[in-house]
């Protein structure tokens, strides 16, 4: 494996950083592509990764970073107008550098008819990759278990999940489990060529059931408070989210209500040999984070009309 070089884009993000950790633990040579150098990139450097600073929309920088790379992980944030250009740049750079394979991070809501601009762009990005000759695998994860902390509100008397998902269902998957899948495919890409893998956790749940599992693990009351999609959009605005992100999340919230995210599978275990984490296991591993205040202030501001 020492002769292989693995490039990880979004290397300071949740899936990217864990993938770097896993590959370095195996003794692999890793090039961590970061947008900005900070304490997170310094940590990757301390793990032995080669840290390269580059914007995924900078063709010259991406091309330089790709030199000598065997396989690459492509992950682009939910930002307006950049994904398709970044896909074209990354694909051309990999072709010129003779990269063998790419793992592409997409999303479970990616489809031609998606109302979310980001989700539709992910589908288009997949089709662009499919026209490339190199080995390509698309990952379509459901909502991350990590996102349970995103709109979490914690008070002395317990915790609340305020989300616009009504009684829809999904099987939360951790970023750590996704990183294990990414590392496994990067190091053995051939069996996964042209595959589209929906990645889900082990148990399909609605958010009331998720709240029950979090409560049981933490030993404190937790309840799910469903909210309207429009109200959720106003909270996201108060929290500083971009219009592009709000458009995406509002439309995938409706997708969620319509069952697009429902279901489970065992692909994590099949690909990595280890079963995906449960909600209880994720909560236990992140107990300290669940005791943080969370986003209560944003919701109170919206309710008071101060938005």
Protein backbone atom coordinates (compact mmCIF):
# COMPACT_ATOMS: atom_id res chain seq x y z
CA UNK A 1 0.00 0.00 0.00
CA UNK A 2 2.97 2.29 0.54
CA UNK A 3 3.26 2.95 -3.22
CA UNK A 4 -0.31 4.27 -3.38
CA UNK A 5 -1.14 7.92 -2.77
CA UNK A 6 -4.70 8.83 -1.76
CA UNK A 7 -6.01 12.37 -2.21
CA UNK A 8 -8.82 13.38 0.15
CA UNK A 9 -10.71 16.56 -0.67
CA UNK A 10 -12.71 18.27 2.07
CA UNK A 11 -10.08 16.78 4.35
CA UNK A 12 -11.00 18.86 7.39
CA UNK A 13 -14.69 17.91 7.13
CA UNK A 14 -16.45 15.10 8.97
CA UNK A 15 -16.03 12.35 6.39
CA UNK A 16 -12.74 13.63 5.00
CA UNK A 17 -10.87 13.94 8.28
CA UNK A 18 -11.94 10.49 9.46
CA UNK A 19 -10.91 8.99 6.13
CA UNK A 20 -7.46 10.54 6.48
CA UNK A 21 -7.20 9.04 9.99
CA UNK A 22 -8.14 5.58 8.78
CA UNK A 23 -5.76 5.59 5.83
CA UNK A 24 -2.89 6.91 7.90
CA UNK A 25 -3.57 4.24 10.55
CA UNK A 26 -2.99 1.69 7.78
CA UNK A 27 0.29 3.33 6.84
CA UNK A 28 -1.02 4.76 3.56
CA UNK A 29 0.35 7.90 1.94
CA UNK A 30 -2.37 10.57 2.12
CA UNK A 31 -2.57 13.99 0.50
CA UNK A 32 -5.12 16.08 2.38
CA UNK A 33 -6.67 18.79 0.22
CA UNK A 34 -7.88 21.69 2.37
CA UNK A 35 -9.41 25.06 1.54
CA UNK A 36 -7.71 26.85 4.42
CA UNK A 37 -4.92 25.93 6.79
CA UNK A 38 -6.02 25.97 10.42
CA UNK A 39 -5.83 23.84 13.55
CA UNK A 40 -7.79 21.09 11.81
CA UNK A 41 -5.33 20.85 8.94
CA UNK A 42 -2.45 20.98 11.43
CA UNK A 43 -3.91 17.93 13.13
CA UNK A 44 -3.92 16.09 9.79
CA UNK A 45 -0.30 17.07 9.28
CA UNK A 46 0.53 15.66 12.71
CA UNK A 47 -1.04 12.37 11.60
CA UNK A 48 1.51 12.26 8.79
CA UNK A 49 -0.70 13.46 5.93
CA UNK A 50 0.70 15.80 3.29
CA UNK A 51 -1.51 18.89 3.58
CA UNK A 52 -2.11 20.85 0.36
CA UNK A 53 -4.10 24.08 0.29
CA UNK A 54 -6.27 24.45 -2.83
CA UNK A 55 -9.67 25.70 -3.94
CA UNK A 56 -11.61 23.01 -5.81
CA UNK A 57 -12.55 25.70 -8.35
CA UNK A 58 -8.88 26.44 -9.10
CA UNK A 59 -7.94 24.12 -11.98
CA UNK A 60 -4.21 24.79 -11.69
CA UNK A 61 -4.11 24.13 -7.96
CA UNK A 62 -6.19 20.96 -8.22
CA UNK A 63 -4.06 19.70 -11.11
CA UNK A 64 -0.88 20.27 -9.12
CA UNK A 65 -2.34 18.49 -6.09
CA UNK A 66 -3.29 15.48 -8.23
CA UNK A 67 0.26 14.65 -9.34
CA UNK A 68 1.20 11.09 -8.38
CA UNK A 69 -2.22 10.29 -6.90
CA UNK A 70 -3.60 6.74 -7.21
CA UNK A 71 -7.17 7.27 -5.98
CA UNK A 72 -9.15 10.30 -4.82
CA UNK A 73 -12.19 11.21 -2.74
CA UNK A 74 -14.31 14.03 -4.17
CA UNK A 75 -16.51 15.96 -1.76
CA UNK A 76 -17.95 19.42 -2.42
CA UNK A 77 -19.95 21.53 0.08
CA UNK A 78 -23.51 22.70 -0.46
CA UNK A 79 -22.57 26.03 -2.02
CA UNK A 80 -24.26 27.82 -4.91
CA UNK A 81 -22.95 27.36 -8.41
CA UNK A 82 -19.77 25.44 -7.67
CA UNK A 83 -20.41 21.70 -7.72
CA UNK A 84 -20.62 21.13 -11.47
CA UNK A 85 -17.60 23.30 -12.20
CA UNK A 86 -15.65 21.58 -9.43
CA UNK A 87 -16.65 18.18 -10.85
CA UNK A 88 -15.38 19.14 -14.30
CA UNK A 89 -12.10 20.45 -12.86
CA UNK A 90 -11.54 17.44 -10.60
CA UNK A 91 -12.40 14.98 -13.38
CA UNK A 92 -10.04 16.62 -15.87
CA UNK A 93 -7.25 16.80 -13.30
CA UNK A 94 -7.64 13.11 -12.42
CA UNK A 95 -7.62 12.14 -16.11
CA UNK A 96 -4.46 14.12 -16.82
CA UNK A 97 -2.70 12.73 -13.73
CA UNK A 98 -3.60 9.10 -14.48
CA UNK A 99 -5.59 8.65 -11.29
CA UNK A 100 -7.06 5.15 -11.14
CA UNK A 101 -10.33 5.73 -9.26
CA UNK A 102 -12.58 8.28 -7.58
CA UNK A 103 -15.11 7.98 -4.77
CA UNK A 104 -17.76 10.66 -5.25
CA UNK A 105 -19.80 11.92 -2.30
CA UNK A 106 -23.37 12.55 -3.45
CA UNK A 107 -26.61 12.43 -1.40
CA UNK A 108 -29.66 10.21 -1.11
CA UNK A 109 -31.96 12.89 -2.53
CA UNK A 110 -29.92 13.20 -5.75
CA UNK A 111 -32.21 12.62 -8.74
CA UNK A 112 -33.15 14.23 -12.02
CA UNK A 113 -36.47 15.59 -10.77
CA UNK A 114 -35.19 16.89 -7.42
CA UNK A 115 -36.64 20.25 -6.39
CA UNK A 116 -33.52 21.01 -4.35
CA UNK A 117 -30.99 22.71 -6.61
CA UNK A 118 -28.13 21.07 -4.69
CA UNK A 119 -29.66 17.60 -4.95
CA UNK A 120 -30.24 17.97 -8.69
CA UNK A 121 -26.68 19.21 -9.15
CA UNK A 122 -25.39 16.14 -7.31
CA UNK A 123 -27.31 13.96 -9.78
CA UNK A 124 -25.80 15.91 -12.68
CA UNK A 125 -22.36 15.59 -11.10
CA UNK A 126 -22.81 11.81 -10.94
CA UNK A 127 -23.67 11.72 -14.63
CA UNK A 128 -20.56 13.76 -15.43
CA UNK A 129 -18.43 11.28 -13.52
CA UNK A 130 -20.09 8.38 -15.35
CA UNK A 131 -18.76 9.75 -18.64
CA UNK A 132 -15.20 9.47 -17.31
CA UNK A 133 -13.16 6.34 -18.01
CA UNK A 134 -11.73 5.91 -14.50
CA UNK A 135 -13.23 3.64 -11.82
CA UNK A 136 -16.00 5.63 -10.13
CA UNK A 137 -18.22 4.96 -7.13
CA UNK A 138 -21.07 7.22 -5.99
CA UNK A 139 -22.06 7.37 -2.32
CA UNK A 140 -25.58 8.56 -1.50
CA UNK A 141 -25.84 8.82 2.29
CA UNK A 142 -29.03 9.58 4.15
CA UNK A 143 -28.97 12.24 6.89
CA UNK A 144 -25.91 11.89 9.12
CA UNK A 145 -26.40 10.86 12.73
CA UNK A 146 -23.99 13.73 13.43
CA UNK A 147 -26.68 16.15 12.30
CA UNK A 148 -28.82 15.25 15.32
CA UNK A 149 -26.61 17.74 17.16
CA UNK A 150 -27.16 20.43 14.55
CA UNK A 151 -30.55 21.72 15.77
CA UNK A 152 -30.26 20.20 19.23
CA UNK A 153 -31.49 22.36 22.13
CA UNK A 154 -30.37 21.45 25.64
CA UNK A 155 -31.79 22.79 28.89
CA UNK A 156 -31.55 21.74 32.51
CA UNK A 157 -34.76 19.71 32.19
CA UNK A 158 -33.76 17.82 29.04
CA UNK A 159 -33.24 18.16 25.33
CA UNK A 160 -35.29 18.94 22.23
CA UNK A 161 -34.93 18.13 18.54
CA UNK A 162 -36.77 20.79 16.50
CA UNK A 163 -36.89 19.67 12.88
CA UNK A 164 -39.32 19.95 9.91
CA UNK A 165 -39.59 16.22 9.20
CA UNK A 166 -43.12 15.46 10.47
CA UNK A 167 -43.41 11.68 10.97
CA UNK A 168 -41.02 10.72 8.14
CA UNK A 169 -38.33 8.13 8.70
CA UNK A 170 -34.67 7.40 8.02
CA UNK A 171 -31.82 5.28 9.36
CA UNK A 172 -29.16 7.75 10.56
CA UNK A 173 -25.58 6.98 9.50
CA UNK A 174 -22.48 8.34 11.20
CA UNK A 175 -19.72 10.19 9.40
CA UNK A 176 -17.29 7.69 10.94
CA UNK A 177 -19.06 4.79 9.22
CA UNK A 178 -19.05 6.65 5.92
CA UNK A 179 -15.32 7.24 6.29
CA UNK A 180 -14.80 3.51 6.72
CA UNK A 181 -16.69 2.92 3.46
CA UNK A 182 -14.67 5.59 1.65
CA UNK A 183 -11.35 4.16 2.85
CA UNK A 184 -12.37 0.61 1.93
CA UNK A 185 -13.36 1.60 -1.62
CA UNK A 186 -10.31 3.79 -2.19
CA UNK A 187 -7.98 0.94 -1.27
CA UNK A 188 -9.91 -1.69 -3.29
CA UNK A 189 -11.87 0.18 -5.97
CA UNK A 190 -12.40 -2.41 -8.71
CA UNK A 191 -15.40 -4.26 -7.18
CA UNK A 192 -17.23 -0.95 -6.76
CA UNK A 193 -16.87 0.48 -10.26
CA UNK A 194 -20.01 2.30 -11.51
CA UNK A 195 -21.89 1.48 -8.32
CA UNK A 196 -24.32 3.88 -6.63
CA UNK A 197 -24.46 3.04 -2.94
CA UNK A 198 -27.23 4.44 -0.73
CA UNK A 199 -25.65 4.53 2.72
CA UNK A 200 -27.96 4.15 5.69
CA UNK A 201 -27.70 3.16 9.31
CA UNK A 202 -29.00 -0.12 10.75
CA UNK A 203 -32.47 0.96 11.98
CA UNK A 204 -35.20 2.95 10.21
CA UNK A 205 -36.72 5.46 12.68
CA UNK A 206 -38.88 8.53 12.89
CA UNK A 207 -37.61 11.42 14.98
CA UNK A 208 -39.86 10.66 17.95
CA UNK A 209 -38.21 7.23 18.10
CA UNK A 210 -34.78 8.79 17.66
CA UNK A 211 -35.52 11.13 20.58
CA UNK A 212 -36.50 8.14 22.72
CA UNK A 213 -33.19 6.41 21.98
CA UNK A 214 -31.18 9.55 22.70
CA UNK A 215 -33.10 10.03 25.96
CA UNK A 216 -32.53 6.45 27.08
CA UNK A 217 -28.81 6.71 26.37
CA UNK A 218 -28.34 10.10 28.05
CA UNK A 219 -30.66 9.34 30.97
CA UNK A 220 -32.65 12.56 30.59
CA UNK A 221 -35.91 13.61 28.91
CA UNK A 222 -35.64 14.28 25.18
CA UNK A 223 -38.51 15.02 22.86
CA UNK A 224 -38.98 15.70 19.17
CA UNK A 225 -40.80 18.91 18.28
CA UNK A 226 -41.90 18.87 14.62
CA UNK A 227 -41.96 22.32 13.03
CA UNK A 228 -43.21 23.69 9.76
CA UNK A 229 -40.78 23.87 6.85
CA UNK A 230 -41.30 27.63 6.46
CA UNK A 231 -40.54 28.22 10.16
CA UNK A 232 -37.43 26.08 9.81
CA UNK A 233 -36.31 28.26 6.90
CA UNK A 234 -36.67 31.37 9.06
CA UNK A 235 -34.56 29.77 11.80
CA UNK A 236 -31.88 28.87 9.27
CA UNK A 237 -31.89 32.50 8.11
CA UNK A 238 -31.44 33.65 11.72
CA UNK A 239 -28.57 31.19 12.06
CA UNK A 240 -26.84 32.71 9.02
CA UNK A 241 -27.49 29.98 6.44
CA UNK A 242 -27.21 30.96 2.77
CA UNK A 243 -30.35 31.12 0.58
CA UNK A 244 -28.94 28.22 -1.45
CA UNK A 245 -28.63 26.02 1.64
CA UNK A 246 -32.09 27.03 2.86
CA UNK A 247 -33.60 26.18 -0.54
CA UNK A 248 -31.89 22.79 -0.39
CA UNK A 249 -32.88 21.93 3.17
CA UNK A 250 -36.47 23.12 2.72
CA UNK A 251 -36.93 20.88 -0.31
CA UNK A 252 -35.21 17.82 1.14
CA UNK A 253 -37.39 18.27 4.24
CA UNK A 254 -40.37 17.75 1.95
CA UNK A 255 -38.56 14.80 0.34
CA UNK A 256 -38.12 13.36 3.81
CA UNK A 257 -41.83 13.73 4.56
CA UNK A 258 -42.54 12.03 1.23
CA UNK A 259 -40.45 8.97 2.11
CA UNK A 260 -37.38 9.63 -0.06
CA UNK A 261 -35.08 9.03 2.93
CA UNK A 262 -36.86 5.97 4.34
CA UNK A 263 -35.32 2.51 4.53
CA UNK A 264 -32.19 0.79 5.72
CA UNK A 265 -29.48 -1.49 4.34
CA UNK A 266 -26.34 -3.34 5.40
CA UNK A 267 -23.95 -1.87 2.82
CA UNK A 268 -21.63 -0.46 5.49
CA UNK A 269 -21.12 -3.95 6.90
CA UNK A 270 -20.86 -5.59 3.48
CA UNK A 271 -18.19 -3.12 2.28
CA UNK A 272 -16.20 -2.72 5.51
CA UNK A 273 -16.86 -5.92 7.44
CA UNK A 274 -18.21 -4.01 10.46
CA UNK A 275 -21.83 -3.05 11.09
CA UNK A 276 -22.86 0.60 11.13
CA UNK A 277 -23.30 2.37 14.46
CA UNK A 278 -26.75 2.67 16.02
CA UNK A 279 -28.25 5.93 17.28
CA UNK A 280 -27.57 4.74 20.84
CA UNK A 281 -23.91 4.07 20.06
CA UNK A 282 -23.51 7.45 18.38
CA UNK A 283 -25.15 9.24 21.32
CA UNK A 284 -22.97 7.45 23.85
CA UNK A 285 -19.83 8.31 21.86
CA UNK A 286 -20.86 11.99 21.71
CA UNK A 287 -22.36 12.36 25.17
CA UNK A 288 -20.47 15.58 25.95
CA UNK A 289 -21.78 17.28 22.79
CA UNK A 290 -25.37 16.42 23.72
CA UNK A 291 -24.86 18.27 27.00
CA UNK A 292 -24.00 21.51 25.18
CA UNK A 293 -26.69 24.25 24.89
CA UNK A 294 -27.33 23.83 21.14
CA UNK A 295 -29.57 26.07 19.05
CA UNK A 296 -32.26 27.13 21.52
CA UNK A 297 -31.49 30.85 21.12
CA UNK A 298 -32.18 30.80 17.35
CA UNK A 299 -35.61 29.26 17.85
CA UNK A 300 -36.50 31.72 20.61
CA UNK A 301 -35.53 34.65 18.37
CA UNK A 302 -37.78 33.42 15.57
CA UNK A 303 -40.68 32.83 17.92
CA UNK A 304 -40.28 36.32 19.31
CA UNK A 305 -40.29 37.76 15.80
CA UNK A 306 -36.69 39.00 16.11
CA UNK A 307 -35.52 37.69 12.75
